């Protein structure tokens, strides 16, 4: 039997990797199971693994879950809506799945993927190590634009919370809305929120 240390050295040199990444590096599912049993790696989700040697101590579980989900989508998606609201700590709702905007026709059944033709990920998207997420401003705007995913009452509550806690400003929200080309659609919601502060 091959030494597990040698097998570990053959794994992809990144914190989170997929079964496909491991196969390309010459490590089979059989040896991945042995590494899991030896606690050298952990399986975060089906087919997504984390190398314990690369795990930052300060990273929280939510970011690890975001990285694992992004790996499953081959980093084609952007975390959005309820998952982003939760990340910015401006909602009480906890989504059961991680929400992603993805280019049509991609998607993964275990994630909440919202397929969009030609999505514009150049506006209001932050890139982190291993995942991308909509900014707080774009997240709030998208919530108002997509009431079938986030109820209007929750969108208003999150907007008021973000403004009261100084996590964003009206100026930043309007600038992002202008970049997205949705100022006219979003302005009435902002006026209502301002009147309730």
Protein backbone atom coordinates (compact mmCIF):
# COMPACT_ATOMS: atom_id res chain seq x y z
CA UNK A 1 0.00 0.00 0.00
CA UNK A 2 1.32 3.40 -0.97
CA UNK A 3 2.27 5.76 1.85
CA UNK A 4 -0.56 8.23 2.60
CA UNK A 5 1.94 11.10 2.97
CA UNK A 6 3.05 10.55 -0.63
CA UNK A 7 -0.56 10.46 -1.80
CA UNK A 8 -1.29 13.68 0.10
CA UNK A 9 1.65 15.35 -1.66
CA UNK A 10 0.08 14.38 -4.99
CA UNK A 11 -3.18 16.22 -4.23
CA UNK A 12 -3.92 19.57 -5.87
CA UNK A 13 -2.08 22.37 -4.07
CA UNK A 14 -5.18 24.29 -3.09
CA UNK A 15 -7.37 24.33 -0.04
CA UNK A 16 -10.55 23.02 -1.67
CA UNK A 17 -10.58 20.68 -4.65
CA UNK A 18 -13.02 18.46 -6.50
CA UNK A 19 -12.95 14.76 -7.32
CA UNK A 20 -12.07 15.75 -10.88
CA UNK A 21 -9.08 17.80 -9.64
CA UNK A 22 -7.87 14.78 -7.62
CA UNK A 23 -8.32 12.42 -10.59
CA UNK A 24 -6.27 14.74 -12.79
CA UNK A 25 -3.54 14.62 -10.13
CA UNK A 26 -3.65 10.81 -10.21
CA UNK A 27 -5.45 10.28 -6.88
CA UNK A 28 -8.42 7.90 -7.10
CA UNK A 29 -11.61 7.92 -5.03
CA UNK A 30 -10.27 4.85 -3.18
CA UNK A 31 -7.24 6.78 -1.91
CA UNK A 32 -9.36 9.85 -1.16
CA UNK A 33 -11.46 7.64 1.15
CA UNK A 34 -8.26 6.44 2.85
CA UNK A 35 -7.16 10.07 3.32
CA UNK A 36 -10.56 10.92 4.80
CA UNK A 37 -10.28 7.99 7.24
CA UNK A 38 -6.77 9.19 8.21
CA UNK A 39 -8.16 12.75 8.68
CA UNK A 40 -5.77 14.20 6.11
CA UNK A 41 -8.70 15.62 4.13
CA UNK A 42 -12.42 16.06 4.73
CA UNK A 43 -15.29 15.77 2.27
CA UNK A 44 -17.24 19.01 2.49
CA UNK A 45 -19.92 18.03 -0.02
CA UNK A 46 -20.27 15.15 -2.43
CA UNK A 47 -17.18 15.30 -4.62
CA UNK A 48 -15.68 18.38 -2.92
CA UNK A 49 -12.79 18.00 -0.48
CA UNK A 50 -10.73 20.17 1.81
CA UNK A 51 -7.06 19.62 2.46
CA UNK A 52 -6.61 20.07 6.20
CA UNK A 53 -3.02 21.30 5.77
CA UNK A 54 -4.30 24.42 3.98
CA UNK A 55 -7.20 25.25 6.29
CA UNK A 56 -6.91 28.80 7.67
CA UNK A 57 -7.73 28.83 11.38
CA UNK A 58 -9.70 32.08 11.19
CA UNK A 59 -11.96 31.02 8.32
CA UNK A 60 -15.57 30.57 9.32
CA UNK A 61 -17.82 27.70 8.29
CA UNK A 62 -19.90 29.87 5.99
CA UNK A 63 -16.89 30.85 3.87
CA UNK A 64 -15.78 27.21 3.71
CA UNK A 65 -19.27 26.24 2.52
CA UNK A 66 -19.18 29.03 -0.09
CA UNK A 67 -15.83 27.76 -1.39
CA UNK A 68 -17.08 24.18 -1.57
CA UNK A 69 -20.24 25.19 -3.42
CA UNK A 70 -18.25 27.41 -5.80
CA UNK A 71 -15.92 24.49 -6.54
CA UNK A 72 -18.93 22.36 -7.49
CA UNK A 73 -20.00 25.07 -9.95
CA UNK A 74 -16.40 25.35 -11.20
CA UNK A 75 -16.51 28.97 -10.00
CA UNK A 76 -19.04 29.90 -12.72
CA UNK A 77 -21.52 31.37 -10.24
CA UNK A 78 -21.82 34.33 -7.91
CA UNK A 79 -23.32 33.98 -4.43
CA UNK A 80 -26.39 36.18 -4.17
CA UNK A 81 -29.70 37.09 -2.54
CA UNK A 82 -30.43 35.28 0.78
CA UNK A 83 -26.95 33.77 1.04
CA UNK A 84 -25.35 37.18 0.49
CA UNK A 85 -27.75 38.84 2.96
CA UNK A 86 -26.73 36.22 5.53
CA UNK A 87 -23.02 36.75 4.75
CA UNK A 88 -23.39 40.50 5.39
CA UNK A 89 -25.34 39.74 8.58
CA UNK A 90 -28.37 41.87 7.70
CA UNK A 91 -31.07 39.18 7.77
CA UNK A 92 -32.48 36.77 10.30
CA UNK A 93 -33.34 34.27 7.54
CA UNK A 94 -30.97 31.37 7.06
CA UNK A 95 -31.21 29.79 3.62
CA UNK A 96 -31.12 25.99 3.55
CA UNK A 97 -29.09 26.05 0.32
CA UNK A 98 -26.44 28.42 -1.00
CA UNK A 99 -27.93 30.79 -3.59
CA UNK A 100 -26.06 31.50 -6.83
CA UNK A 101 -26.56 33.51 -9.99
CA UNK A 102 -25.25 31.29 -12.78
CA UNK A 103 -25.03 31.69 -16.54
CA UNK A 104 -27.66 29.65 -18.35
CA UNK A 105 -27.66 26.55 -18.63
CA UNK A 106 -25.36 25.74 -15.68
CA UNK A 107 -26.58 24.58 -12.30
CA UNK A 108 -26.27 21.98 -9.55
CA UNK A 109 -29.34 20.40 -7.99
CA UNK A 110 -28.10 20.64 -4.39
CA UNK A 111 -27.59 24.41 -4.69
CA UNK A 112 -30.15 27.15 -5.28
CA UNK A 113 -29.08 28.25 -8.74
CA UNK A 114 -30.82 31.06 -10.54
CA UNK A 115 -30.02 30.75 -14.22
CA UNK A 116 -29.64 33.99 -16.15
CA UNK A 117 -28.78 34.49 -19.80
CA UNK A 118 -25.69 36.68 -20.15
CA UNK A 119 -25.41 37.77 -16.49
CA UNK A 120 -23.33 40.88 -15.86
CA UNK A 121 -20.87 39.89 -13.16
CA UNK A 122 -18.71 42.97 -13.75
CA UNK A 123 -20.92 45.24 -11.60
CA UNK A 124 -21.34 44.79 -7.87
CA UNK A 125 -19.42 41.52 -7.48
CA UNK A 126 -16.58 40.95 -4.99
CA UNK A 127 -14.03 38.22 -5.58
CA UNK A 128 -12.81 36.40 -2.48
CA UNK A 129 -10.39 33.49 -2.21
CA UNK A 130 -12.42 30.62 -3.67
CA UNK A 131 -15.77 32.34 -4.23
CA UNK A 132 -17.47 35.43 -5.64
CA UNK A 133 -20.38 37.24 -3.99
CA UNK A 134 -22.58 40.19 -4.85
CA UNK A 135 -21.72 43.36 -2.93
CA UNK A 136 -24.08 44.47 -0.21
CA UNK A 137 -25.44 47.15 -2.56
CA UNK A 138 -26.09 44.81 -5.48
CA UNK A 139 -27.54 42.22 -3.10
CA UNK A 140 -30.09 44.69 -1.76
CA UNK A 141 -30.97 45.92 -5.25
CA UNK A 142 -31.38 42.37 -6.57
CA UNK A 143 -33.67 41.52 -3.65
CA UNK A 144 -36.06 44.33 -4.64
CA UNK A 145 -35.84 43.36 -8.31
CA UNK A 146 -36.59 39.70 -7.56
CA UNK A 147 -39.54 39.58 -5.10
CA UNK A 148 -40.31 35.97 -6.04
CA UNK A 149 -37.06 34.97 -4.29
CA UNK A 150 -36.99 37.47 -1.41
CA UNK A 151 -40.25 38.91 0.00
CA UNK A 152 -40.52 42.70 -0.20
CA UNK A 153 -40.96 42.94 3.59
CA UNK A 154 -37.60 41.17 4.09
CA UNK A 155 -35.91 43.37 1.45
CA UNK A 156 -37.09 46.52 3.26
CA UNK A 157 -36.00 45.16 6.64
CA UNK A 158 -32.53 44.31 5.26
CA UNK A 159 -32.15 47.70 3.58
CA UNK A 160 -33.09 49.54 6.79
CA UNK A 161 -30.74 47.34 8.81
CA UNK A 162 -27.83 47.95 6.41
CA UNK A 163 -28.38 51.72 6.52
CA UNK A 164 -28.80 51.89 10.31
CA UNK A 165 -25.67 49.80 10.88
CA UNK A 166 -23.78 51.95 8.33
CA UNK A 167 -22.89 48.95 6.18
CA UNK A 168 -23.81 50.99 3.10
CA UNK A 169 -25.16 54.39 2.12
CA UNK A 170 -27.89 55.64 -0.20
CA UNK A 171 -25.19 57.17 -2.38
CA UNK A 172 -23.52 53.76 -2.86
CA UNK A 173 -26.88 52.07 -3.52
CA UNK A 174 -27.85 54.61 -6.16
CA UNK A 175 -24.40 54.46 -7.79
CA UNK A 176 -24.67 50.66 -8.07
CA UNK A 177 -28.25 50.90 -9.38
CA UNK A 178 -27.03 53.34 -12.04
CA UNK A 179 -24.19 50.99 -13.07
CA UNK A 180 -26.73 48.16 -13.32
CA UNK A 181 -29.12 50.37 -15.32
CA UNK A 182 -32.00 49.91 -12.84
CA UNK A 183 -32.20 53.31 -11.12
CA UNK A 184 -35.83 53.94 -12.16
CA UNK A 185 -36.96 50.51 -10.94
CA UNK A 186 -35.18 50.76 -7.59
CA UNK A 187 -35.76 54.42 -6.67
CA UNK A 188 -39.37 53.98 -5.38
CA UNK A 189 -38.18 51.26 -2.96
CA UNK A 190 -35.41 53.51 -1.66
CA UNK A 191 -37.86 56.37 -1.11
CA UNK A 192 -40.20 54.10 0.89
CA UNK A 193 -37.31 52.80 2.99
CA UNK A 194 -36.08 56.34 3.70
CA UNK A 195 -39.55 57.42 4.84
CA UNK A 196 -39.59 54.53 7.34
CA UNK A 197 -36.20 55.26 8.93
